[in-house]
Amino acid sequence: MYAKCFKRVFDFVLSLGAIIVLSPILIVLTVVGAVAMGGNPFFTQERPGKREKIFKLVKFRTMNNKKDKHGKLLPDDKRITAYGRWLRSTSLDELPELFNILSGDMSIVGPRPLLVEYLPYYKKNERRRHLVRPGLTGWAQVNGRNAIGSWEERFRYDIEYVDNISLAMDIKVIMMTVLKVVKRSDILVGSEIKAGRLDVARRDSRNP
């Protein structure tokens, strides 16, 4: 009942309230980000949402657009700026996603929206993570986030959430998320992410 009828109301009310309360911070970070990044302070990217419907996720930019001599973007951990690393360590880069939640593309709690190019690499049961709206935070995030050693383990947490959605679980995840943000734990980027990229990991497993 909660998942079908009340979760969307819960998301709308919380995201709207958060946007109103945090609007001064959002405005300051927009201005500071425009200066620090030398232009557009926002990062947008297509991600798969509920039932794999593609939407445009929005975050504060944490990386520059530096390229190598061949015109190819440098690896993530080479492009992240000091300001960007601070944004990630405080999770403030995620704040614009509140607008994704308000519009209905995302939820406060749910499996994190991953890259569109990962879609062909999910196993059948893992695709069930897309039966619900992706979340600003999720069960996998509070149980290790990018420090989780394998995609299989991460997806197990996602499916466990999908199978056990409840108001109590959402509140538990939100409270655990606040604790993680305060402690600034499991903040990794680029090559620091233990599981690596899903497409690379799955291609390697198919071609040992």
N, C-alpha and C. Protein backbone atom coordinates (compact mmCIF):
# COMPACT_ATOMS: atom_id res chain seq x y z
N MET A 1 0.83 -1.20 0.00
CA MET A 1 0.00 0.00 0.00
C MET A 1 0.87 1.27 0.00
N TYR A 2 1.89 1.27 0.86
CA TYR A 2 2.78 2.43 0.93
C TYR A 2 3.46 2.69 -0.41
N ALA A 3 4.01 1.64 -1.01
CA ALA A 3 4.76 1.79 -2.27
C ALA A 3 3.87 2.31 -3.39
N LYS A 4 2.62 1.85 -3.45
CA LYS A 4 1.72 2.21 -4.54
C LYS A 4 1.01 3.53 -4.33
N CYS A 5 0.69 3.85 -3.07
CA CYS A 5 -0.18 5.00 -2.82
C CYS A 5 0.48 6.18 -2.10
N PHE A 6 1.35 5.91 -1.17
CA PHE A 6 1.83 6.99 -0.29
C PHE A 6 3.29 7.40 -0.52
N LYS A 7 4.08 6.53 -1.13
CA LYS A 7 5.50 6.85 -1.30
C LYS A 7 5.71 8.09 -2.15
N ARG A 8 4.92 8.24 -3.22
CA ARG A 8 5.06 9.40 -4.09
C ARG A 8 4.68 10.68 -3.34
N VAL A 9 3.64 10.62 -2.50
CA VAL A 9 3.25 11.79 -1.69
C VAL A 9 4.37 12.14 -0.71
N PHE A 10 4.93 11.11 -0.09
CA PHE A 10 6.05 11.26 0.85
C PHE A 10 7.22 11.96 0.15
N ASP A 11 7.53 11.51 -1.06
CA ASP A 11 8.63 12.09 -1.84
C ASP A 11 8.36 13.55 -2.20
N PHE A 12 7.14 13.82 -2.65
CA PHE A 12 6.79 15.17 -3.09
C PHE A 12 6.88 16.15 -1.92
N VAL A 13 6.30 15.78 -0.80
CA VAL A 13 6.29 16.68 0.36
C VAL A 13 7.70 16.92 0.88
N LEU A 14 8.49 15.85 1.01
CA LEU A 14 9.85 15.99 1.53
C LEU A 14 10.75 16.77 0.58
N SER A 15 10.65 16.51 -0.71
CA SER A 15 11.52 17.21 -1.66
C SER A 15 11.15 18.69 -1.76
N LEU A 16 9.85 18.99 -1.77
CA LEU A 16 9.42 20.38 -1.82
C LEU A 16 9.87 21.12 -0.57
N GLY A 17 9.69 20.50 0.59
CA GLY A 17 10.12 21.12 1.84
C GLY A 17 11.63 21.34 1.86
N ALA A 18 12.38 20.35 1.37
CA ALA A 18 13.84 20.46 1.36
C ALA A 18 14.30 21.56 0.42
N ILE A 19 13.65 21.69 -0.74
CA ILE A 19 14.02 22.73 -1.70
C ILE A 19 13.79 24.12 -1.09
N ILE A 20 12.68 24.27 -0.40
CA ILE A 20 12.36 25.56 0.23
C ILE A 20 13.38 25.89 1.32
N VAL A 21 13.62 24.93 2.20
CA VAL A 21 14.54 25.14 3.33
C VAL A 21 15.97 25.35 2.86
N LEU A 22 16.37 24.58 1.85
CA LEU A 22 17.76 24.61 1.38
C LEU A 22 18.00 25.59 0.23
N SER A 23 16.98 26.36 -0.14
CA SER A 23 17.12 27.27 -1.28
C SER A 23 18.29 28.24 -1.14
N PRO A 24 18.59 28.79 0.05
CA PRO A 24 19.77 29.66 0.15
C PRO A 24 21.06 28.93 -0.20
N ILE A 25 21.19 27.68 0.25
CA ILE A 25 22.38 26.88 -0.06
C ILE A 25 22.44 26.58 -1.54
N LEU A 26 21.30 26.23 -2.13
CA LEU A 26 21.25 25.94 -3.57
C LEU A 26 21.68 27.15 -4.39
N ILE A 27 21.23 28.33 -3.99
CA ILE A 27 21.58 29.57 -4.71
C ILE A 27 23.07 29.85 -4.59
N VAL A 28 23.60 29.73 -3.36
CA VAL A 28 25.03 29.99 -3.13
C VAL A 28 25.89 29.01 -3.93
N LEU A 29 25.54 27.73 -3.89
CA LEU A 29 26.33 26.72 -4.60
C LEU A 29 26.24 26.90 -6.12
N THR A 30 25.12 27.39 -6.59
CA THR A 30 24.97 27.67 -8.03
C THR A 30 25.93 28.78 -8.45
N VAL A 31 25.98 29.85 -7.66
CA VAL A 31 26.87 30.98 -7.97
C VAL A 31 28.33 30.58 -7.83
N VAL A 32 28.66 29.94 -6.71
CA VAL A 32 30.05 29.53 -6.46
C VAL A 32 30.49 28.51 -7.51
N GLY A 33 29.59 27.59 -7.85
CA GLY A 33 29.91 26.58 -8.85
C GLY A 33 30.17 27.18 -10.22
N ALA A 34 29.40 28.20 -10.57
CA ALA A 34 29.60 28.87 -11.86
C ALA A 34 30.98 29.50 -11.94
N VAL A 35 31.45 30.04 -10.82
CA VAL A 35 32.78 30.66 -10.77
C VAL A 35 33.86 29.58 -10.76
N ALA A 36 33.68 28.58 -9.88
CA ALA A 36 34.70 27.53 -9.72
C ALA A 36 34.86 26.69 -10.98
N MET A 37 33.76 26.46 -11.69
CA MET A 37 33.80 25.62 -12.89
C MET A 37 33.93 26.43 -14.17
N GLY A 38 33.97 27.75 -14.02
CA GLY A 38 34.15 28.60 -15.20
C GLY A 38 32.99 28.55 -16.17
N GLY A 39 31.79 28.45 -15.64
CA GLY A 39 30.61 28.39 -16.51
C GLY A 39 29.46 27.66 -15.86
N ASN A 40 28.80 26.80 -16.61
CA ASN A 40 27.64 26.06 -16.13
C ASN A 40 27.97 25.25 -14.87
N PRO A 41 27.28 25.51 -13.75
CA PRO A 41 27.58 24.79 -12.51
C PRO A 41 26.87 23.44 -12.41
N PHE A 42 26.02 23.13 -13.41
CA PHE A 42 25.22 21.91 -13.33
C PHE A 42 25.73 20.83 -14.28
N PHE A 43 25.61 19.59 -13.83
CA PHE A 43 25.94 18.43 -14.63
C PHE A 43 24.64 17.69 -14.90
N THR A 44 24.33 17.44 -16.15
CA THR A 44 23.12 16.69 -16.49
C THR A 44 23.52 15.47 -17.31
N GLN A 45 22.80 14.39 -17.10
CA GLN A 45 23.10 13.15 -17.82
C GLN A 45 21.86 12.27 -17.86
N GLU A 46 21.65 11.61 -18.99
CA GLU A 46 20.52 10.71 -19.09
C GLU A 46 20.76 9.46 -18.25
N ARG A 47 19.74 9.06 -17.51
CA ARG A 47 19.81 7.86 -16.68
C ARG A 47 18.49 7.08 -16.82
N PRO A 48 18.50 5.77 -16.63
CA PRO A 48 17.26 5.00 -16.67
C PRO A 48 16.52 5.11 -15.35
N GLY A 49 15.21 5.38 -15.44
CA GLY A 49 14.39 5.49 -14.24
C GLY A 49 13.48 4.29 -14.08
N LYS A 50 12.30 4.54 -13.55
CA LYS A 50 11.34 3.46 -13.33
C LYS A 50 10.95 2.83 -14.67
N ARG A 51 10.98 1.50 -14.70
CA ARG A 51 10.72 0.71 -15.91
C ARG A 51 11.65 1.12 -17.06
N GLU A 52 12.85 1.57 -16.67
CA GLU A 52 13.93 1.91 -17.60
C GLU A 52 13.60 3.09 -18.52
N LYS A 53 12.62 3.90 -18.11
CA LYS A 53 12.33 5.13 -18.84
C LYS A 53 13.46 6.13 -18.61
N ILE A 54 14.00 6.68 -19.67
CA ILE A 54 15.15 7.57 -19.57
C ILE A 54 14.72 8.97 -19.13
N PHE A 55 15.44 9.50 -18.15
CA PHE A 55 15.20 10.88 -17.71
C PHE A 55 16.55 11.59 -17.58
N LYS A 56 16.52 12.88 -17.38
CA LYS A 56 17.76 13.66 -17.29
C LYS A 56 18.05 14.01 -15.84
N LEU A 57 19.05 13.35 -15.27
CA LEU A 57 19.46 13.60 -13.89
C LEU A 57 20.28 14.89 -13.84
N VAL A 58 20.12 15.67 -12.77
CA VAL A 58 20.86 16.92 -12.63
C VAL A 58 21.57 16.95 -11.29
N LYS A 59 22.86 17.32 -11.32
CA LYS A 59 23.68 17.44 -10.13
C LYS A 59 24.54 18.69 -10.27
N PHE A 60 25.22 19.06 -9.21
CA PHE A 60 26.23 20.12 -9.32
C PHE A 60 27.49 19.50 -9.93
N ARG A 61 28.11 20.21 -10.83
CA ARG A 61 29.33 19.72 -11.47
C ARG A 61 30.47 19.61 -10.47
N THR A 62 31.23 18.52 -10.58
CA THR A 62 32.39 18.32 -9.71
C THR A 62 33.66 18.13 -10.52
N MET A 63 33.54 18.04 -11.86
CA MET A 63 34.70 17.79 -12.71
C MET A 63 34.83 18.86 -13.79
N ASN A 64 36.08 19.06 -14.21
CA ASN A 64 36.31 19.93 -15.36
C ASN A 64 36.23 19.12 -16.65
N ASN A 65 36.44 19.76 -17.77
CA ASN A 65 36.34 19.08 -19.07
C ASN A 65 37.69 18.91 -19.75
N LYS A 66 38.74 18.72 -18.96
CA LYS A 66 40.08 18.58 -19.53
C LYS A 66 40.20 17.30 -20.36
N LYS A 67 40.90 17.41 -21.48
CA LYS A 67 41.05 16.28 -22.40
C LYS A 67 42.52 15.98 -22.64
N ASP A 68 42.79 14.78 -23.15
CA ASP A 68 44.17 14.42 -23.48
C ASP A 68 44.52 14.96 -24.87
N LYS A 69 45.71 14.64 -25.35
CA LYS A 69 46.17 15.19 -26.63
C LYS A 69 45.37 14.68 -27.81
N HIS A 70 44.58 13.62 -27.59
CA HIS A 70 43.74 13.07 -28.66
C HIS A 70 42.31 13.62 -28.62
N GLY A 71 42.06 14.53 -27.66
CA GLY A 71 40.74 15.12 -27.54
C GLY A 71 39.76 14.30 -26.74
N LYS A 72 40.25 13.27 -26.05
CA LYS A 72 39.39 12.42 -25.23
C LYS A 72 39.43 12.89 -23.79
N LEU A 73 38.26 12.89 -23.13
CA LEU A 73 38.21 13.32 -21.74
C LEU A 73 39.13 12.47 -20.87
N LEU A 74 39.82 13.14 -19.96
CA LEU A 74 40.69 12.43 -19.02
C LEU A 74 39.83 11.59 -18.07
N PRO A 75 40.41 10.60 -17.38
CA PRO A 75 39.65 9.79 -16.42
C PRO A 75 39.04 10.67 -15.33
N ASP A 76 37.95 10.18 -14.73
CA ASP A 76 37.23 10.96 -13.72
C ASP A 76 38.13 11.46 -12.61
N ASP A 77 39.01 10.57 -12.08
CA ASP A 77 39.84 10.98 -10.95
C ASP A 77 40.92 11.98 -11.34
N LYS A 78 41.09 12.22 -12.64
CA LYS A 78 42.02 13.25 -13.10
C LYS A 78 41.30 14.58 -13.32
N ARG A 79 39.98 14.53 -13.47
CA ARG A 79 39.22 15.74 -13.79
C ARG A 79 38.50 16.34 -12.59
N ILE A 80 38.35 15.57 -11.52
CA ILE A 80 37.65 16.11 -10.37
C ILE A 80 38.48 17.22 -9.73
N THR A 81 37.85 18.33 -9.42
CA THR A 81 38.55 19.49 -8.86
C THR A 81 38.52 19.42 -7.34
N ALA A 82 39.32 20.26 -6.69
CA ALA A 82 39.32 20.31 -5.22
C ALA A 82 37.94 20.72 -4.72
N TYR A 83 37.33 21.68 -5.41
CA TYR A 83 35.97 22.09 -5.05
C TYR A 83 35.00 20.94 -5.26
N GLY A 84 35.16 20.23 -6.37
CA GLY A 84 34.29 19.11 -6.67
C GLY A 84 34.42 17.99 -5.65
N ARG A 85 35.65 17.71 -5.23
CA ARG A 85 35.87 16.66 -4.22
C ARG A 85 35.21 17.05 -2.90
N TRP A 86 35.26 18.35 -2.58
CA TRP A 86 34.59 18.82 -1.36
C TRP A 86 33.08 18.64 -1.49
N LEU A 87 32.54 18.99 -2.66
CA LEU A 87 31.10 18.81 -2.88
C LEU A 87 30.71 17.35 -2.68
N ARG A 88 31.50 16.43 -3.21
CA ARG A 88 31.18 15.02 -3.09
C ARG A 88 31.33 14.52 -1.65
N SER A 89 32.35 15.01 -0.96
CA SER A 89 32.58 14.56 0.41
C SER A 89 31.45 14.98 1.34
N THR A 90 30.77 16.06 0.99
CA THR A 90 29.63 16.54 1.78
C THR A 90 28.29 16.12 1.18
N SER A 91 28.35 15.48 0.01
CA SER A 91 27.15 15.06 -0.75
C SER A 91 26.31 16.23 -1.23
N LEU A 92 26.86 17.44 -1.19
CA LEU A 92 26.11 18.61 -1.65
C LEU A 92 25.91 18.59 -3.16
N ASP A 93 26.75 17.85 -3.88
CA ASP A 93 26.59 17.77 -5.34
C ASP A 93 25.27 17.12 -5.73
N GLU A 94 24.66 16.37 -4.79
CA GLU A 94 23.42 15.66 -5.07
C GLU A 94 22.17 16.53 -4.90
N LEU A 95 22.30 17.70 -4.29
CA LEU A 95 21.12 18.51 -3.95
C LEU A 95 20.19 18.82 -5.12
N PRO A 96 20.70 19.13 -6.33
CA PRO A 96 19.77 19.42 -7.44
C PRO A 96 18.85 18.25 -7.79
N GLU A 97 19.19 17.05 -7.36
CA GLU A 97 18.33 15.90 -7.63
C GLU A 97 16.99 16.02 -6.91
N LEU A 98 16.90 16.93 -5.96
CA LEU A 98 15.62 17.19 -5.30
C LEU A 98 14.57 17.60 -6.33
N PHE A 99 15.00 18.28 -7.40
CA PHE A 99 14.08 18.68 -8.45
C PHE A 99 13.65 17.47 -9.28
N ASN A 100 14.56 16.50 -9.44
CA ASN A 100 14.19 15.23 -10.10
C ASN A 100 13.13 14.49 -9.29
N ILE A 101 13.26 14.58 -7.97
CA ILE A 101 12.28 13.92 -7.09
C ILE A 101 10.95 14.64 -7.16
N LEU A 102 11.00 15.96 -7.12
CA LEU A 102 9.77 16.76 -7.18
C LEU A 102 9.00 16.49 -8.46
N SER A 103 9.71 16.30 -9.57
CA SER A 103 9.05 16.08 -10.86
C SER A 103 8.56 14.66 -11.04
N GLY A 104 8.99 13.75 -10.16
CA GLY A 104 8.52 12.38 -10.24
C GLY A 104 9.45 11.41 -10.94
N ASP A 105 10.61 11.88 -11.39
CA ASP A 105 11.57 10.99 -12.05
C ASP A 105 12.33 10.13 -11.05
N MET A 106 12.47 10.66 -9.82
CA MET A 106 13.22 9.96 -8.79
C MET A 106 12.43 9.92 -7.49
N SER A 107 12.97 9.19 -6.53
CA SER A 107 12.40 9.08 -5.20
C SER A 107 13.47 9.48 -4.19
N ILE A 108 13.06 9.76 -2.95
CA ILE A 108 14.05 10.03 -1.91
C ILE A 108 14.91 8.79 -1.70
N VAL A 109 14.24 7.63 -1.61
CA VAL A 109 14.93 6.36 -1.37
C VAL A 109 14.63 5.39 -2.51
N GLY A 110 15.66 4.76 -3.03
CA GLY A 110 15.49 3.78 -4.10
C GLY A 110 16.86 3.40 -4.64
N PRO A 111 16.95 2.44 -5.52
CA PRO A 111 18.24 2.10 -6.14
C PRO A 111 18.79 3.31 -6.88
N ARG A 112 20.06 3.58 -6.75
CA ARG A 112 20.64 4.73 -7.44
C ARG A 112 20.55 4.57 -8.95
N PRO A 113 20.25 5.66 -9.68
CA PRO A 113 20.18 5.57 -11.15
C PRO A 113 21.58 5.47 -11.73
N LEU A 114 21.84 4.42 -12.46
CA LEU A 114 23.17 4.19 -13.02
C LEU A 114 23.21 4.64 -14.48
N LEU A 115 24.29 4.35 -15.18
CA LEU A 115 24.46 4.82 -16.54
C LEU A 115 23.57 4.07 -17.54
N VAL A 116 23.12 4.78 -18.56
CA VAL A 116 22.29 4.17 -19.59
C VAL A 116 23.04 3.03 -20.29
N GLU A 117 24.36 3.21 -20.49
CA GLU A 117 25.12 2.18 -21.19
C GLU A 117 25.27 0.88 -20.40
N TYR A 118 24.84 0.88 -19.15
CA TYR A 118 24.88 -0.35 -18.36
C TYR A 118 23.68 -1.27 -18.64
N LEU A 119 22.64 -0.74 -19.26
CA LEU A 119 21.39 -1.49 -19.43
C LEU A 119 21.57 -2.87 -20.06
N PRO A 120 22.41 -3.05 -21.08
CA PRO A 120 22.55 -4.39 -21.68
C PRO A 120 23.27 -5.39 -20.79
N TYR A 121 23.84 -4.93 -19.68
CA TYR A 121 24.69 -5.81 -18.88
C TYR A 121 24.05 -6.33 -17.60
N TYR A 122 22.78 -5.95 -17.35
CA TYR A 122 22.10 -6.47 -16.17
C TYR A 122 21.66 -7.91 -16.38
N LYS A 123 21.77 -8.72 -15.33
CA LYS A 123 21.18 -10.04 -15.37
C LYS A 123 19.67 -9.90 -15.16
N LYS A 124 18.91 -10.92 -15.50
CA LYS A 124 17.45 -10.83 -15.50
C LYS A 124 16.91 -10.35 -14.15
N ASN A 125 17.36 -10.94 -13.06
CA ASN A 125 16.83 -10.56 -11.75
C ASN A 125 17.28 -9.16 -11.36
N GLU A 126 18.45 -8.75 -11.81
CA GLU A 126 18.96 -7.42 -11.46
C GLU A 126 18.15 -6.31 -12.09
N ARG A 127 17.50 -6.60 -13.21
CA ARG A 127 16.68 -5.58 -13.88
C ARG A 127 15.48 -5.18 -13.02
N ARG A 128 15.16 -5.99 -12.02
CA ARG A 128 14.03 -5.68 -11.13
C ARG A 128 14.29 -4.41 -10.33
N ARG A 129 15.53 -3.97 -10.27
CA ARG A 129 15.83 -2.72 -9.57
C ARG A 129 15.14 -1.54 -10.25
N HIS A 130 14.74 -1.72 -11.51
CA HIS A 130 14.07 -0.64 -12.25
C HIS A 130 12.54 -0.72 -12.16
N LEU A 131 12.03 -1.57 -11.27
CA LEU A 131 10.59 -1.62 -11.05
C LEU A 131 10.11 -0.45 -10.20
N VAL A 132 11.04 0.24 -9.57
CA VAL A 132 10.71 1.39 -8.73
C VAL A 132 11.49 2.61 -9.21
N ARG A 133 11.11 3.78 -8.74
CA ARG A 133 11.86 4.99 -9.08
C ARG A 133 13.25 4.92 -8.45
N PRO A 134 14.26 5.38 -9.16
CA PRO A 134 15.61 5.43 -8.57
C PRO A 134 15.65 6.47 -7.46
N GLY A 135 16.60 6.32 -6.55
CA GLY A 135 16.61 7.17 -5.37
C GLY A 135 17.80 8.10 -5.24
N LEU A 136 17.59 9.16 -4.46
CA LEU A 136 18.67 10.06 -4.07
C LEU A 136 19.64 9.30 -3.19
N THR A 137 19.10 8.42 -2.37
CA THR A 137 19.89 7.50 -1.56
C THR A 137 19.22 6.15 -1.62
N GLY A 138 19.89 5.12 -1.12
CA GLY A 138 19.32 3.79 -1.23
C GLY A 138 19.91 2.82 -0.23
N TRP A 139 19.36 1.62 -0.20
CA TRP A 139 19.80 0.58 0.73
C TRP A 139 21.25 0.19 0.45
N ALA A 140 21.64 0.14 -0.82
CA ALA A 140 23.04 -0.17 -1.15
C ALA A 140 23.96 0.95 -0.70
N GLN A 141 23.50 2.21 -0.82
CA GLN A 141 24.35 3.35 -0.46
C GLN A 141 24.67 3.36 1.03
N VAL A 142 23.71 3.02 1.87
CA VAL A 142 23.96 3.05 3.31
C VAL A 142 24.65 1.77 3.78
N ASN A 143 24.85 0.84 2.87
CA ASN A 143 25.57 -0.40 3.21
C ASN A 143 26.90 -0.51 2.48
N GLY A 144 27.49 0.64 2.18
CA GLY A 144 28.82 0.60 1.58
C GLY A 144 29.04 1.55 0.43
N ARG A 145 27.95 1.94 -0.26
CA ARG A 145 28.06 2.88 -1.38
C ARG A 145 29.09 2.38 -2.39
N ASN A 146 29.98 3.23 -2.85
CA ASN A 146 30.97 2.84 -3.85
C ASN A 146 32.10 1.99 -3.28
N ALA A 147 32.09 1.76 -1.96
CA ALA A 147 33.11 0.90 -1.34
C ALA A 147 32.72 -0.57 -1.43
N ILE A 148 31.49 -0.87 -1.88
CA ILE A 148 31.06 -2.26 -2.05
C ILE A 148 31.94 -2.91 -3.12
N GLY A 149 32.40 -4.12 -2.81
CA GLY A 149 33.41 -4.75 -3.65
C GLY A 149 32.95 -5.31 -4.98
N SER A 150 31.66 -5.58 -5.14
CA SER A 150 31.19 -6.18 -6.40
C SER A 150 29.81 -5.66 -6.76
N TRP A 151 29.54 -5.65 -8.07
CA TRP A 151 28.22 -5.24 -8.54
C TRP A 151 27.14 -6.21 -8.08
N GLU A 152 27.47 -7.50 -8.00
CA GLU A 152 26.49 -8.49 -7.56
C GLU A 152 26.00 -8.18 -6.14
N GLU A 153 26.92 -7.80 -5.27
CA GLU A 153 26.55 -7.46 -3.90
C GLU A 153 25.70 -6.19 -3.88
N ARG A 154 26.10 -5.21 -4.66
CA ARG A 154 25.35 -3.95 -4.72
C ARG A 154 23.93 -4.19 -5.21
N PHE A 155 23.77 -5.02 -6.25
CA PHE A 155 22.45 -5.29 -6.78
C PHE A 155 21.61 -6.12 -5.82
N ARG A 156 22.24 -6.95 -5.01
CA ARG A 156 21.49 -7.71 -4.00
C ARG A 156 20.80 -6.76 -3.02
N TYR A 157 21.51 -5.71 -2.64
CA TYR A 157 20.89 -4.71 -1.76
C TYR A 157 19.74 -4.01 -2.47
N ASP A 158 19.91 -3.68 -3.75
CA ASP A 158 18.85 -3.01 -4.51
C ASP A 158 17.59 -3.88 -4.57
N ILE A 159 17.76 -5.16 -4.89
CA ILE A 159 16.61 -6.07 -5.00
C ILE A 159 15.97 -6.29 -3.63
N GLU A 160 16.79 -6.35 -2.60
CA GLU A 160 16.25 -6.49 -1.24
C GLU A 160 15.36 -5.31 -0.91
N TYR A 161 15.77 -4.12 -1.35
CA TYR A 161 14.94 -2.94 -1.10
C TYR A 161 13.63 -3.03 -1.88
N VAL A 162 13.72 -3.37 -3.16
CA VAL A 162 12.52 -3.48 -4.00
C VAL A 162 11.52 -4.45 -3.40
N ASP A 163 12.01 -5.53 -2.82
CA ASP A 163 11.13 -6.57 -2.25
C ASP A 163 10.59 -6.22 -0.88
N ASN A 164 11.13 -5.18 -0.25
CA ASN A 164 10.75 -4.88 1.14
C ASN A 164 10.45 -3.41 1.38
N ILE A 165 9.98 -2.70 0.34
CA ILE A 165 9.68 -1.28 0.49
C ILE A 165 8.63 -1.05 1.57
N SER A 166 8.93 -0.11 2.46
CA SER A 166 7.98 0.28 3.50
C SER A 166 8.38 1.66 4.01
N LEU A 167 7.46 2.33 4.68
CA LEU A 167 7.76 3.64 5.26
C LEU A 167 8.88 3.49 6.29
N ALA A 168 8.80 2.42 7.09
CA ALA A 168 9.82 2.21 8.12
C ALA A 168 11.20 2.05 7.50
N MET A 169 11.28 1.30 6.39
CA MET A 169 12.57 1.10 5.74
C MET A 169 13.09 2.39 5.14
N ASP A 170 12.21 3.19 4.52
CA ASP A 170 12.63 4.47 3.95
C ASP A 170 13.17 5.40 5.03
N ILE A 171 12.48 5.45 6.16
CA ILE A 171 12.94 6.30 7.26
C ILE A 171 14.30 5.81 7.77
N LYS A 172 14.45 4.50 7.87
CA LYS A 172 15.72 3.92 8.32
C LYS A 172 16.85 4.31 7.37
N VAL A 173 16.61 4.20 6.06
CA VAL A 173 17.64 4.55 5.07
C VAL A 173 17.98 6.04 5.15
N ILE A 174 16.98 6.88 5.30
CA ILE A 174 17.22 8.33 5.40
C ILE A 174 18.07 8.65 6.62
N MET A 175 17.75 8.04 7.75
CA MET A 175 18.52 8.29 8.98
C MET A 175 19.96 7.78 8.84
N MET A 176 20.13 6.61 8.23
CA MET A 176 21.47 6.07 8.01
C MET A 176 22.26 6.93 7.03
N THR A 177 21.55 7.51 6.04
CA THR A 177 22.19 8.39 5.06
C THR A 177 22.71 9.65 5.74
N VAL A 178 21.90 10.24 6.61
CA VAL A 178 22.33 11.44 7.34
C VAL A 178 23.60 11.15 8.12
N LEU A 179 23.66 9.98 8.76
CA LEU A 179 24.85 9.61 9.53
C LEU A 179 26.06 9.45 8.61
N LYS A 180 25.85 8.84 7.43
CA LYS A 180 26.94 8.66 6.47
C LYS A 180 27.46 10.02 5.99
N VAL A 181 26.54 10.94 5.72
CA VAL A 181 26.92 12.27 5.22
C VAL A 181 27.72 13.01 6.29
N VAL A 182 27.27 12.93 7.53
CA VAL A 182 27.97 13.60 8.63
C VAL A 182 29.37 13.04 8.80
N LYS A 183 29.50 11.71 8.67
CA LYS A 183 30.80 11.05 8.83
C LYS A 183 31.65 11.13 7.56
N ARG A 184 31.00 11.52 6.41
CA ARG A 184 31.68 11.59 5.11
C ARG A 184 32.36 10.26 4.76
N SER A 185 31.62 9.18 4.90
CA SER A 185 32.20 7.86 4.65
C SER A 185 31.84 7.33 3.27
N ASP A 186 32.70 6.44 2.74
CA ASP A 186 32.48 5.74 1.46
C ASP A 186 32.36 6.69 0.28
N ILE A 187 33.10 7.81 0.30
CA ILE A 187 33.10 8.76 -0.81
C ILE A 187 34.28 8.43 -1.72
N LEU A 188 33.99 7.79 -2.86
CA LEU A 188 35.03 7.39 -3.79
C LEU A 188 34.69 7.90 -5.18
N VAL A 189 35.71 7.99 -6.04
CA VAL A 189 35.48 8.50 -7.40
C VAL A 189 36.41 7.80 -8.37
N GLY A 190 35.94 7.63 -9.61
CA GLY A 190 36.78 7.09 -10.68
C GLY A 190 37.37 5.74 -10.35
N SER A 191 38.69 5.63 -10.47
CA SER A 191 39.37 4.36 -10.24
C SER A 191 39.35 3.93 -8.78
N GLU A 192 38.92 4.83 -7.87
CA GLU A 192 38.83 4.47 -6.46
C GLU A 192 37.64 3.54 -6.19
N ILE A 193 36.64 3.57 -7.08
CA ILE A 193 35.43 2.77 -6.89
C ILE A 193 35.80 1.29 -7.04
N LYS A 194 35.58 0.52 -6.00
CA LYS A 194 36.08 -0.85 -5.95
C LYS A 194 35.48 -1.75 -7.02
N ALA A 195 34.20 -1.61 -7.31
CA ALA A 195 33.56 -2.50 -8.28
C ALA A 195 33.89 -2.12 -9.72
N GLY A 196 34.44 -0.91 -9.93
CA GLY A 196 34.74 -0.47 -11.29
C GLY A 196 33.47 -0.19 -12.08
N ARG A 197 33.57 -0.22 -13.38
CA ARG A 197 32.42 -0.01 -14.26
C ARG A 197 31.72 -1.34 -14.51
N LEU A 198 30.40 -1.32 -14.51
CA LEU A 198 29.63 -2.54 -14.73
C LEU A 198 29.88 -3.12 -16.12
N ASP A 199 29.88 -2.27 -17.15
CA ASP A 199 30.05 -2.79 -18.51
C ASP A 199 31.41 -3.46 -18.68
N VAL A 200 32.45 -2.86 -18.10
CA VAL A 200 33.79 -3.44 -18.19
C VAL A 200 33.87 -4.76 -17.43
N ALA A 201 33.31 -4.76 -16.21
CA ALA A 201 33.34 -5.97 -15.39
C ALA A 201 32.62 -7.13 -16.05
N ARG A 202 31.46 -6.85 -16.65
CA ARG A 202 30.68 -7.91 -17.26
C ARG A 202 31.31 -8.38 -18.57
N ARG A 203 31.90 -7.46 -19.34
CA ARG A 203 32.58 -7.86 -20.57
C ARG A 203 33.80 -8.74 -20.25
N ASP A 204 34.51 -8.37 -19.18
CA ASP A 204 35.68 -9.15 -18.78
C ASP A 204 35.30 -10.55 -18.34
N SER A 205 34.12 -10.65 -17.66
CA SER A 205 33.68 -11.96 -17.17
C SER A 205 33.24 -12.86 -18.32
N ARG A 206 32.76 -12.23 -19.42
CA ARG A 206 32.34 -13.01 -20.59
C ARG A 206 33.54 -13.43 -21.43
N ASN A 207 34.65 -12.66 -21.31
CA ASN A 207 35.83 -12.94 -22.12
C ASN A 207 37.05 -13.10 -21.22
N PRO A 208 37.10 -14.17 -20.43
CA PRO A 208 38.22 -14.34 -19.49
C PRO A 208 39.53 -14.53 -20.23
